[in-house]
Amino acid sequence: MSSINTKTSNSHPPGKRLKLISEHNGGFVILISREGLSGRAVFILSVIIFWLLMIMAWAFMLAQYGVAWSLLSLPFWALGIITLLAFLKMIRLHQSVEIKGGKVLIQKTYNGVTSYAELNVKDITSVSMVEGTYKTLAGITRKGVYPAFISKGVAFGIGELCSREEKQWLVNTLKSVLE
């Protein structure tokens, strides 16, 4: 494992979500902060709220024909509320990648619940962009291209919700550290 050359223009992370921390004892940490209410998040939230308002109006109109008719809206309420909760989880998700002592620790945290994977550096065959599906902590399965450590034939994804530029920076930086 080599240290990062901080004189290269590529050493500073793009955007505001990524933070690079180099420790004096050879450790290395990348923090990927939560998305928060970005422009994309506000748009998605407005679509979810619009959905819930339309279901409310529909349920109200059905109630005029009898309360039993309003029960038809229950699956749509459930879908809207589950989507809202999953969305709130995704925008509060934050991640970290720590490389220290021949180990790579990947952590994804939401409200104190942390999932993690620990890999041996010697078992990592590459760090690259992979295309496939990944499951967020919110339980949503998504398709996309994201950075991943390839270890023993398994891809361990990171930064799934980052921008294209941030994802490429992650791949380039992690490759340079693991060389």
N, C-alpha and C. Protein backbone atom coordinates (compact mmCIF):
# COMPACT_ATOMS: atom_id res chain seq x y z
N MET A 1 0.86 -1.18 0.00
CA MET A 1 0.00 0.00 0.00
C MET A 1 0.89 1.23 0.00
N SER A 2 0.68 2.11 -0.93
CA SER A 2 1.47 3.35 -0.99
C SER A 2 0.63 4.52 -0.53
N SER A 3 1.31 5.61 -0.26
CA SER A 3 0.57 6.79 0.17
C SER A 3 0.13 7.59 -1.05
N ILE A 4 -0.79 8.48 -0.84
CA ILE A 4 -1.30 9.29 -1.93
C ILE A 4 -0.34 10.44 -2.19
N ASN A 5 -0.10 10.71 -3.44
CA ASN A 5 0.69 11.86 -3.83
C ASN A 5 -0.22 13.08 -3.79
N THR A 6 -0.10 13.87 -2.74
CA THR A 6 -1.01 15.01 -2.57
C THR A 6 -0.70 16.16 -3.51
N LYS A 7 0.36 16.05 -4.28
CA LYS A 7 0.69 17.12 -5.22
C LYS A 7 -0.05 16.97 -6.54
N THR A 8 -0.65 15.81 -6.77
CA THR A 8 -1.39 15.65 -8.01
C THR A 8 -2.73 16.36 -7.91
N SER A 9 -3.22 16.80 -9.05
CA SER A 9 -4.50 17.51 -9.05
C SER A 9 -5.66 16.58 -8.72
N ASN A 10 -5.44 15.28 -8.83
CA ASN A 10 -6.49 14.30 -8.61
C ASN A 10 -6.66 13.95 -7.13
N SER A 11 -5.80 14.50 -6.24
CA SER A 11 -5.83 14.08 -4.85
C SER A 11 -6.98 14.71 -4.06
N HIS A 12 -7.52 15.81 -4.54
CA HIS A 12 -8.62 16.46 -3.82
C HIS A 12 -9.94 15.95 -4.36
N PRO A 13 -10.80 15.48 -3.47
CA PRO A 13 -12.08 14.93 -3.94
C PRO A 13 -12.96 15.99 -4.58
N PRO A 14 -13.68 15.63 -5.63
CA PRO A 14 -14.62 16.57 -6.25
C PRO A 14 -15.87 16.70 -5.39
N GLY A 15 -16.54 17.79 -5.52
CA GLY A 15 -17.81 17.98 -4.80
C GLY A 15 -17.62 18.15 -3.31
N LYS A 16 -18.72 18.08 -2.59
CA LYS A 16 -18.70 18.31 -1.14
C LYS A 16 -18.96 17.04 -0.34
N ARG A 17 -19.34 15.95 -1.01
CA ARG A 17 -19.72 14.72 -0.29
C ARG A 17 -18.53 13.88 0.14
N LEU A 18 -17.41 13.96 -0.57
CA LEU A 18 -16.26 13.11 -0.27
C LEU A 18 -15.23 13.85 0.56
N LYS A 19 -14.69 13.16 1.55
CA LYS A 19 -13.63 13.74 2.37
C LYS A 19 -12.53 12.71 2.52
N LEU A 20 -11.31 13.14 2.24
CA LEU A 20 -10.15 12.28 2.29
C LEU A 20 -9.36 12.57 3.56
N ILE A 21 -9.07 11.52 4.34
CA ILE A 21 -8.29 11.68 5.57
C ILE A 21 -7.11 10.73 5.51
N SER A 22 -5.89 11.26 5.58
CA SER A 22 -4.69 10.42 5.66
C SER A 22 -4.17 10.50 7.08
N GLU A 23 -4.01 9.34 7.70
CA GLU A 23 -3.51 9.30 9.07
C GLU A 23 -1.99 9.17 9.05
N HIS A 24 -1.34 9.65 10.10
CA HIS A 24 0.13 9.65 10.17
C HIS A 24 0.72 8.24 10.23
N ASN A 25 -0.01 7.28 10.75
CA ASN A 25 0.52 5.92 10.89
C ASN A 25 0.22 5.05 9.68
N GLY A 26 0.00 5.65 8.53
CA GLY A 26 -0.20 4.89 7.30
C GLY A 26 -1.64 4.58 6.98
N GLY A 27 -2.57 4.94 7.84
CA GLY A 27 -3.98 4.69 7.57
C GLY A 27 -4.54 5.69 6.59
N PHE A 28 -5.67 5.35 6.04
CA PHE A 28 -6.28 6.15 4.99
C PHE A 28 -7.78 5.97 5.09
N VAL A 29 -8.55 7.08 5.12
CA VAL A 29 -9.99 7.00 5.24
C VAL A 29 -10.64 7.93 4.21
N ILE A 30 -11.68 7.43 3.55
CA ILE A 30 -12.52 8.26 2.70
C ILE A 30 -13.91 8.25 3.32
N LEU A 31 -14.42 9.42 3.61
CA LEU A 31 -15.77 9.55 4.15
C LEU A 31 -16.70 10.01 3.03
N ILE A 32 -17.83 9.35 2.90
CA ILE A 32 -18.83 9.73 1.90
C ILE A 32 -20.05 10.18 2.70
N SER A 33 -20.26 11.49 2.75
CA SER A 33 -21.33 12.03 3.58
C SER A 33 -22.69 11.76 2.96
N ARG A 34 -23.70 11.94 3.75
CA ARG A 34 -25.06 11.70 3.26
C ARG A 34 -25.45 12.73 2.21
N GLU A 35 -26.42 12.37 1.42
CA GLU A 35 -26.84 13.26 0.33
C GLU A 35 -27.57 14.48 0.85
N GLY A 36 -28.41 14.30 1.84
CA GLY A 36 -29.19 15.42 2.36
C GLY A 36 -30.21 15.89 1.32
N LEU A 37 -30.69 17.10 1.47
CA LEU A 37 -31.71 17.62 0.57
C LEU A 37 -31.06 18.36 -0.61
N SER A 38 -30.49 17.58 -1.50
CA SER A 38 -29.91 18.14 -2.73
C SER A 38 -31.05 18.45 -3.70
N GLY A 39 -30.73 19.01 -4.84
CA GLY A 39 -31.74 19.30 -5.85
C GLY A 39 -32.47 18.04 -6.30
N ARG A 40 -31.70 16.97 -6.50
CA ARG A 40 -32.30 15.69 -6.90
C ARG A 40 -33.22 15.17 -5.81
N ALA A 41 -32.79 15.28 -4.57
CA ALA A 41 -33.59 14.77 -3.45
C ALA A 41 -34.88 15.58 -3.29
N VAL A 42 -34.81 16.88 -3.47
CA VAL A 42 -36.01 17.71 -3.36
C VAL A 42 -37.01 17.34 -4.45
N PHE A 43 -36.52 17.09 -5.67
CA PHE A 43 -37.41 16.68 -6.76
C PHE A 43 -38.10 15.36 -6.43
N ILE A 44 -37.32 14.37 -5.98
CA ILE A 44 -37.90 13.06 -5.64
C ILE A 44 -38.90 13.19 -4.50
N LEU A 45 -38.56 13.99 -3.50
CA LEU A 45 -39.47 14.19 -2.37
C LEU A 45 -40.77 14.85 -2.85
N SER A 46 -40.67 15.80 -3.76
CA SER A 46 -41.89 16.45 -4.26
C SER A 46 -42.77 15.47 -5.04
N VAL A 47 -42.17 14.54 -5.78
CA VAL A 47 -42.95 13.52 -6.50
C VAL A 47 -43.66 12.61 -5.50
N ILE A 48 -42.97 12.21 -4.43
CA ILE A 48 -43.58 11.34 -3.42
C ILE A 48 -44.74 12.06 -2.73
N ILE A 49 -44.53 13.32 -2.39
CA ILE A 49 -45.59 14.09 -1.73
C ILE A 49 -46.77 14.27 -2.67
N PHE A 50 -46.50 14.54 -3.96
CA PHE A 50 -47.58 14.65 -4.93
C PHE A 50 -48.37 13.34 -5.00
N TRP A 51 -47.67 12.20 -5.02
CA TRP A 51 -48.33 10.89 -5.03
C TRP A 51 -49.26 10.75 -3.82
N LEU A 52 -48.76 11.08 -2.63
CA LEU A 52 -49.57 10.93 -1.42
C LEU A 52 -50.78 11.87 -1.44
N LEU A 53 -50.61 13.08 -1.97
CA LEU A 53 -51.74 14.01 -2.06
C LEU A 53 -52.79 13.51 -3.05
N MET A 54 -52.35 12.91 -4.16
CA MET A 54 -53.30 12.37 -5.13
C MET A 54 -54.06 11.19 -4.53
N ILE A 55 -53.39 10.36 -3.77
CA ILE A 55 -54.06 9.23 -3.12
C ILE A 55 -55.06 9.74 -2.09
N MET A 56 -54.68 10.80 -1.38
CA MET A 56 -55.60 11.38 -0.40
C MET A 56 -56.87 11.91 -1.09
N ALA A 57 -56.69 12.61 -2.21
CA ALA A 57 -57.84 13.13 -2.94
C ALA A 57 -58.70 11.98 -3.48
N TRP A 58 -58.07 10.95 -3.99
CA TRP A 58 -58.79 9.80 -4.52
C TRP A 58 -59.57 9.09 -3.40
N ALA A 59 -58.91 8.91 -2.24
CA ALA A 59 -59.57 8.25 -1.11
C ALA A 59 -60.77 9.07 -0.64
N PHE A 60 -60.63 10.40 -0.65
CA PHE A 60 -61.73 11.27 -0.24
C PHE A 60 -62.91 11.13 -1.21
N MET A 61 -62.59 11.09 -2.51
CA MET A 61 -63.66 10.94 -3.50
C MET A 61 -64.34 9.58 -3.37
N LEU A 62 -63.57 8.54 -3.11
CA LEU A 62 -64.16 7.21 -2.93
C LEU A 62 -65.01 7.14 -1.67
N ALA A 63 -64.65 7.87 -0.64
CA ALA A 63 -65.39 7.85 0.62
C ALA A 63 -66.81 8.38 0.44
N GLN A 64 -67.03 9.19 -0.56
CA GLN A 64 -68.37 9.71 -0.82
C GLN A 64 -69.34 8.60 -1.24
N TYR A 65 -68.80 7.50 -1.75
CA TYR A 65 -69.63 6.36 -2.15
C TYR A 65 -69.72 5.30 -1.05
N GLY A 66 -69.04 5.55 0.03
CA GLY A 66 -69.03 4.60 1.16
C GLY A 66 -67.60 4.40 1.64
N VAL A 67 -67.47 4.24 2.94
CA VAL A 67 -66.14 4.09 3.54
C VAL A 67 -65.43 2.85 3.00
N ALA A 68 -66.19 1.80 2.72
CA ALA A 68 -65.59 0.58 2.20
C ALA A 68 -64.85 0.83 0.89
N TRP A 69 -65.35 1.73 0.06
CA TRP A 69 -64.68 2.05 -1.19
C TRP A 69 -63.31 2.69 -0.95
N SER A 70 -63.17 3.41 0.14
CA SER A 70 -61.88 4.05 0.47
C SER A 70 -60.80 3.03 0.74
N LEU A 71 -61.19 1.83 1.13
CA LEU A 71 -60.21 0.79 1.40
C LEU A 71 -59.42 0.40 0.14
N LEU A 72 -59.97 0.72 -1.03
CA LEU A 72 -59.23 0.46 -2.27
C LEU A 72 -57.92 1.26 -2.34
N SER A 73 -57.85 2.35 -1.62
CA SER A 73 -56.66 3.19 -1.66
C SER A 73 -55.54 2.70 -0.73
N LEU A 74 -55.83 1.75 0.15
CA LEU A 74 -54.83 1.30 1.12
C LEU A 74 -53.52 0.81 0.50
N PRO A 75 -53.53 -0.01 -0.56
CA PRO A 75 -52.24 -0.44 -1.14
C PRO A 75 -51.44 0.75 -1.68
N PHE A 76 -52.13 1.74 -2.20
CA PHE A 76 -51.43 2.91 -2.75
C PHE A 76 -50.86 3.79 -1.64
N TRP A 77 -51.60 3.88 -0.51
CA TRP A 77 -51.06 4.56 0.66
C TRP A 77 -49.81 3.85 1.14
N ALA A 78 -49.88 2.52 1.23
CA ALA A 78 -48.74 1.73 1.69
C ALA A 78 -47.53 1.95 0.78
N LEU A 79 -47.75 1.91 -0.52
CA LEU A 79 -46.66 2.12 -1.47
C LEU A 79 -46.03 3.50 -1.28
N GLY A 80 -46.86 4.53 -1.15
CA GLY A 80 -46.35 5.89 -0.96
C GLY A 80 -45.58 6.05 0.33
N ILE A 81 -46.07 5.48 1.41
CA ILE A 81 -45.40 5.62 2.70
C ILE A 81 -44.10 4.82 2.73
N ILE A 82 -44.12 3.61 2.17
CA ILE A 82 -42.89 2.81 2.12
C ILE A 82 -41.84 3.51 1.27
N THR A 83 -42.26 4.08 0.15
CA THR A 83 -41.33 4.82 -0.71
C THR A 83 -40.76 6.03 0.02
N LEU A 84 -41.60 6.75 0.75
CA LEU A 84 -41.13 7.91 1.51
C LEU A 84 -40.11 7.50 2.57
N LEU A 85 -40.38 6.43 3.30
CA LEU A 85 -39.45 5.97 4.33
C LEU A 85 -38.13 5.51 3.73
N ALA A 86 -38.20 4.78 2.60
CA ALA A 86 -36.98 4.33 1.93
C ALA A 86 -36.17 5.52 1.43
N PHE A 87 -36.85 6.52 0.89
CA PHE A 87 -36.18 7.72 0.41
C PHE A 87 -35.48 8.45 1.56
N LEU A 88 -36.16 8.59 2.68
CA LEU A 88 -35.55 9.26 3.84
C LEU A 88 -34.33 8.51 4.34
N LYS A 89 -34.35 7.17 4.27
CA LYS A 89 -33.17 6.39 4.64
C LYS A 89 -32.02 6.68 3.68
N MET A 90 -32.32 6.69 2.38
CA MET A 90 -31.26 6.87 1.39
C MET A 90 -30.57 8.23 1.51
N ILE A 91 -31.32 9.28 1.78
CA ILE A 91 -30.67 10.59 1.84
C ILE A 91 -29.90 10.79 3.14
N ARG A 92 -30.11 9.90 4.13
CA ARG A 92 -29.37 10.00 5.39
C ARG A 92 -28.26 8.96 5.50
N LEU A 93 -28.07 8.15 4.49
CA LEU A 93 -27.04 7.12 4.47
C LEU A 93 -25.67 7.76 4.29
N HIS A 94 -24.69 7.36 5.11
CA HIS A 94 -23.32 7.78 4.86
C HIS A 94 -22.41 6.57 4.95
N GLN A 95 -21.26 6.68 4.27
CA GLN A 95 -20.35 5.55 4.12
C GLN A 95 -18.93 5.97 4.44
N SER A 96 -18.11 4.97 4.70
CA SER A 96 -16.68 5.22 4.85
C SER A 96 -15.90 4.02 4.35
N VAL A 97 -14.70 4.30 3.87
CA VAL A 97 -13.76 3.26 3.46
C VAL A 97 -12.47 3.55 4.20
N GLU A 98 -12.02 2.58 4.98
CA GLU A 98 -10.77 2.74 5.74
C GLU A 98 -9.79 1.66 5.31
N ILE A 99 -8.59 2.10 4.97
CA ILE A 99 -7.53 1.17 4.58
C ILE A 99 -6.41 1.34 5.60
N LYS A 100 -6.13 0.26 6.33
CA LYS A 100 -5.13 0.34 7.39
C LYS A 100 -4.67 -1.07 7.74
N GLY A 101 -3.38 -1.23 7.88
CA GLY A 101 -2.83 -2.51 8.32
C GLY A 101 -3.18 -3.70 7.44
N GLY A 102 -3.20 -3.50 6.14
CA GLY A 102 -3.48 -4.61 5.23
C GLY A 102 -4.95 -4.99 5.14
N LYS A 103 -5.83 -4.18 5.71
CA LYS A 103 -7.27 -4.44 5.71
C LYS A 103 -8.00 -3.26 5.08
N VAL A 104 -9.15 -3.56 4.47
CA VAL A 104 -10.06 -2.54 3.97
C VAL A 104 -11.38 -2.75 4.70
N LEU A 105 -11.85 -1.70 5.36
CA LEU A 105 -13.13 -1.76 6.07
C LEU A 105 -14.10 -0.82 5.37
N ILE A 106 -15.19 -1.38 4.87
CA ILE A 106 -16.24 -0.60 4.21
C ILE A 106 -17.42 -0.55 5.18
N GLN A 107 -17.86 0.67 5.52
CA GLN A 107 -19.00 0.83 6.43
C GLN A 107 -20.07 1.68 5.78
N LYS A 108 -21.33 1.26 5.98
CA LYS A 108 -22.48 2.04 5.52
C LYS A 108 -23.39 2.20 6.73
N THR A 109 -23.68 3.45 7.10
CA THR A 109 -24.41 3.72 8.33
C THR A 109 -25.65 4.55 8.08
N TYR A 110 -26.72 4.17 8.75
CA TYR A 110 -27.97 4.92 8.75
C TYR A 110 -28.53 4.86 10.16
N ASN A 111 -28.71 6.02 10.76
CA ASN A 111 -29.30 6.14 12.11
C ASN A 111 -28.71 5.14 13.11
N GLY A 112 -27.41 5.02 13.14
CA GLY A 112 -26.76 4.15 14.11
C GLY A 112 -26.70 2.69 13.72
N VAL A 113 -27.36 2.30 12.63
CA VAL A 113 -27.29 0.93 12.15
C VAL A 113 -26.20 0.87 11.09
N THR A 114 -25.18 0.04 11.34
CA THR A 114 -24.04 -0.02 10.44
C THR A 114 -23.91 -1.41 9.85
N SER A 115 -23.77 -1.45 8.53
CA SER A 115 -23.40 -2.70 7.88
C SER A 115 -21.96 -2.51 7.39
N TYR A 116 -21.19 -3.57 7.43
CA TYR A 116 -19.80 -3.42 7.03
C TYR A 116 -19.26 -4.69 6.40
N ALA A 117 -18.16 -4.50 5.68
CA ALA A 117 -17.42 -5.62 5.10
C ALA A 117 -15.95 -5.35 5.35
N GLU A 118 -15.23 -6.37 5.76
CA GLU A 118 -13.78 -6.25 5.98
C GLU A 118 -13.08 -7.15 4.99
N LEU A 119 -12.15 -6.57 4.23
CA LEU A 119 -11.43 -7.30 3.19
C LEU A 119 -9.94 -7.24 3.45
N ASN A 120 -9.23 -8.28 3.07
CA ASN A 120 -7.77 -8.24 3.10
C ASN A 120 -7.29 -7.59 1.82
N VAL A 121 -6.34 -6.68 1.94
CA VAL A 121 -5.81 -5.99 0.76
C VAL A 121 -5.23 -7.00 -0.22
N LYS A 122 -4.58 -8.05 0.27
CA LYS A 122 -3.96 -9.04 -0.62
C LYS A 122 -4.99 -9.82 -1.43
N ASP A 123 -6.25 -9.87 -0.97
CA ASP A 123 -7.30 -10.58 -1.69
C ASP A 123 -8.00 -9.73 -2.74
N ILE A 124 -7.74 -8.43 -2.74
CA ILE A 124 -8.40 -7.52 -3.68
C ILE A 124 -7.69 -7.62 -5.02
N THR A 125 -8.43 -8.06 -6.04
CA THR A 125 -7.84 -8.19 -7.37
C THR A 125 -7.92 -6.88 -8.16
N SER A 126 -8.93 -6.06 -7.88
CA SER A 126 -9.02 -4.77 -8.56
C SER A 126 -10.01 -3.85 -7.86
N VAL A 127 -9.89 -2.59 -8.21
CA VAL A 127 -10.88 -1.57 -7.83
C VAL A 127 -11.33 -0.98 -9.15
N SER A 128 -12.61 -1.12 -9.45
CA SER A 128 -13.08 -0.64 -10.74
C SER A 128 -14.56 -0.30 -10.68
N MET A 129 -15.03 0.27 -11.77
CA MET A 129 -16.46 0.53 -11.90
C MET A 129 -17.11 -0.78 -12.35
N VAL A 130 -18.19 -1.13 -11.69
CA VAL A 130 -18.93 -2.32 -12.07
C VAL A 130 -20.36 -1.92 -12.40
N GLU A 131 -20.97 -2.69 -13.27
CA GLU A 131 -22.36 -2.45 -13.62
C GLU A 131 -23.17 -3.58 -13.05
N GLY A 132 -24.22 -3.23 -12.38
CA GLY A 132 -25.06 -4.27 -11.82
C GLY A 132 -26.09 -3.68 -10.88
N THR A 133 -26.67 -4.56 -10.10
CA THR A 133 -27.64 -4.11 -9.13
C THR A 133 -26.99 -4.09 -7.76
N TYR A 134 -27.46 -3.21 -6.93
CA TYR A 134 -26.99 -3.15 -5.56
C TYR A 134 -28.17 -2.85 -4.67
N LYS A 135 -28.06 -3.28 -3.46
CA LYS A 135 -29.14 -3.07 -2.51
C LYS A 135 -28.70 -2.00 -1.53
N THR A 136 -29.51 -0.98 -1.39
CA THR A 136 -29.21 0.06 -0.42
C THR A 136 -29.63 -0.41 0.96
N LEU A 137 -29.19 0.30 1.98
CA LEU A 137 -29.63 -0.05 3.33
C LEU A 137 -31.13 0.10 3.47
N ALA A 138 -31.72 0.92 2.60
CA ALA A 138 -33.16 1.10 2.65
C ALA A 138 -33.91 -0.11 2.09
N GLY A 139 -33.15 -1.06 1.51
CA GLY A 139 -33.78 -2.25 0.99
C GLY A 139 -34.20 -2.15 -0.46
N ILE A 140 -33.88 -1.05 -1.12
CA ILE A 140 -34.26 -0.87 -2.52
C ILE A 140 -33.16 -1.46 -3.40
N THR A 141 -33.54 -2.24 -4.38
CA THR A 141 -32.59 -2.78 -5.33
C THR A 141 -32.54 -1.84 -6.52
N ARG A 142 -31.33 -1.39 -6.85
CA ARG A 142 -31.16 -0.44 -7.95
C ARG A 142 -30.15 -0.97 -8.94
N LYS A 143 -30.28 -0.54 -10.19
CA LYS A 143 -29.29 -0.84 -11.22
C LYS A 143 -28.43 0.39 -11.42
N GLY A 144 -27.16 0.16 -11.73
CA GLY A 144 -26.30 1.30 -12.00
C GLY A 144 -24.85 0.90 -12.10
N VAL A 145 -24.01 1.91 -12.30
CA VAL A 145 -22.57 1.74 -12.35
C VAL A 145 -22.01 2.39 -11.10
N TYR A 146 -21.15 1.67 -10.40
CA TYR A 146 -20.62 2.17 -9.13
C TYR A 146 -19.23 1.61 -8.89
N PRO A 147 -18.43 2.29 -8.08
CA PRO A 147 -17.10 1.78 -7.73
C PRO A 147 -17.22 0.55 -6.84
N ALA A 148 -16.29 -0.38 -7.00
CA ALA A 148 -16.32 -1.58 -6.18
C ALA A 148 -14.92 -2.16 -6.01
N PHE A 149 -14.70 -2.76 -4.86
CA PHE A 149 -13.53 -3.59 -4.63
C PHE A 149 -13.91 -4.99 -5.11
N ILE A 150 -13.05 -5.61 -5.91
CA ILE A 150 -13.29 -6.99 -6.35
C ILE A 150 -12.36 -7.87 -5.51
N SER A 151 -12.96 -8.70 -4.67
CA SER A 151 -12.19 -9.57 -3.79
C SER A 151 -12.79 -10.97 -3.85
N LYS A 152 -11.95 -11.94 -4.22
CA LYS A 152 -12.37 -13.34 -4.33
C LYS A 152 -13.60 -13.49 -5.23
N GLY A 153 -13.64 -12.71 -6.32
CA GLY A 153 -14.72 -12.81 -7.29
C GLY A 153 -16.01 -12.12 -6.89
N VAL A 154 -16.02 -11.40 -5.77
CA VAL A 154 -17.22 -10.71 -5.29
C VAL A 154 -16.96 -9.20 -5.32
N ALA A 155 -17.95 -8.44 -5.79
CA ALA A 155 -17.83 -6.98 -5.83
C ALA A 155 -18.43 -6.39 -4.56
N PHE A 156 -17.68 -5.54 -3.88
CA PHE A 156 -18.13 -4.82 -2.69
C PHE A 156 -18.24 -3.34 -3.07
N GLY A 157 -19.45 -2.90 -3.32
CA GLY A 157 -19.70 -1.56 -3.84
C GLY A 157 -19.60 -0.48 -2.79
N ILE A 158 -19.22 0.71 -3.26
CA ILE A 158 -19.17 1.91 -2.43
C ILE A 158 -19.66 3.08 -3.27
N GLY A 159 -20.09 4.14 -2.62
CA GLY A 159 -20.43 5.37 -3.30
C GLY A 159 -21.49 5.23 -4.38
N GLU A 160 -22.44 4.34 -4.17
CA GLU A 160 -23.45 4.08 -5.18
C GLU A 160 -24.24 5.32 -5.56
N LEU A 161 -24.46 6.22 -4.62
CA LEU A 161 -25.28 7.40 -4.88
C LEU A 161 -24.47 8.64 -5.22
N CYS A 162 -23.16 8.48 -5.40
CA CYS A 162 -22.30 9.62 -5.75
C CYS A 162 -22.48 9.99 -7.22
N SER A 163 -22.00 11.18 -7.56
CA SER A 163 -22.02 11.62 -8.96
C SER A 163 -20.99 10.82 -9.76
N ARG A 164 -21.08 10.89 -11.07
CA ARG A 164 -20.14 10.18 -11.95
C ARG A 164 -18.70 10.62 -11.68
N GLU A 165 -18.49 11.92 -11.49
CA GLU A 165 -17.15 12.44 -11.24
C GLU A 165 -16.61 11.94 -9.89
N GLU A 166 -17.47 11.91 -8.87
CA GLU A 166 -17.06 11.41 -7.55
C GLU A 166 -16.73 9.92 -7.61
N LYS A 167 -17.52 9.15 -8.37
CA LYS A 167 -17.25 7.72 -8.50
C LYS A 167 -15.91 7.48 -9.17
N GLN A 168 -15.62 8.23 -10.23
CA GLN A 168 -14.34 8.05 -10.93
C GLN A 168 -13.18 8.44 -10.02
N TRP A 169 -13.34 9.50 -9.23
CA TRP A 169 -12.29 9.90 -8.28
C TRP A 169 -12.06 8.79 -7.26
N LEU A 170 -13.13 8.17 -6.76
CA LEU A 170 -12.99 7.07 -5.81
C LEU A 170 -12.18 5.93 -6.41
N VAL A 171 -12.50 5.53 -7.62
CA VAL A 171 -11.78 4.43 -8.27
C VAL A 171 -10.31 4.79 -8.43
N ASN A 172 -10.02 5.97 -8.99
CA ASN A 172 -8.62 6.36 -9.22
C ASN A 172 -7.84 6.46 -7.92
N THR A 173 -8.42 7.05 -6.90
CA THR A 173 -7.73 7.22 -5.62
C THR A 173 -7.48 5.88 -4.94
N LEU A 174 -8.49 5.04 -4.90
CA LEU A 174 -8.32 3.74 -4.24
C LEU A 174 -7.33 2.86 -4.99
N LYS A 175 -7.32 2.94 -6.31
CA LYS A 175 -6.32 2.19 -7.08
C LYS A 175 -4.91 2.65 -6.72
N SER A 176 -4.73 3.98 -6.62
CA SER A 176 -3.39 4.50 -6.32
C SER A 176 -2.94 4.13 -4.90
N VAL A 177 -3.86 4.03 -3.99
CA VAL A 177 -3.53 3.67 -2.61
C VAL A 177 -3.17 2.19 -2.50
N LEU A 178 -3.88 1.35 -3.23
CA LEU A 178 -3.67 -0.09 -3.12
C LEU A 178 -2.53 -0.62 -3.96
N GLU A 179 -1.93 0.23 -4.80
CA GLU A 179 -0.78 -0.22 -5.63
C GLU A 179 0.44 -0.46 -4.78
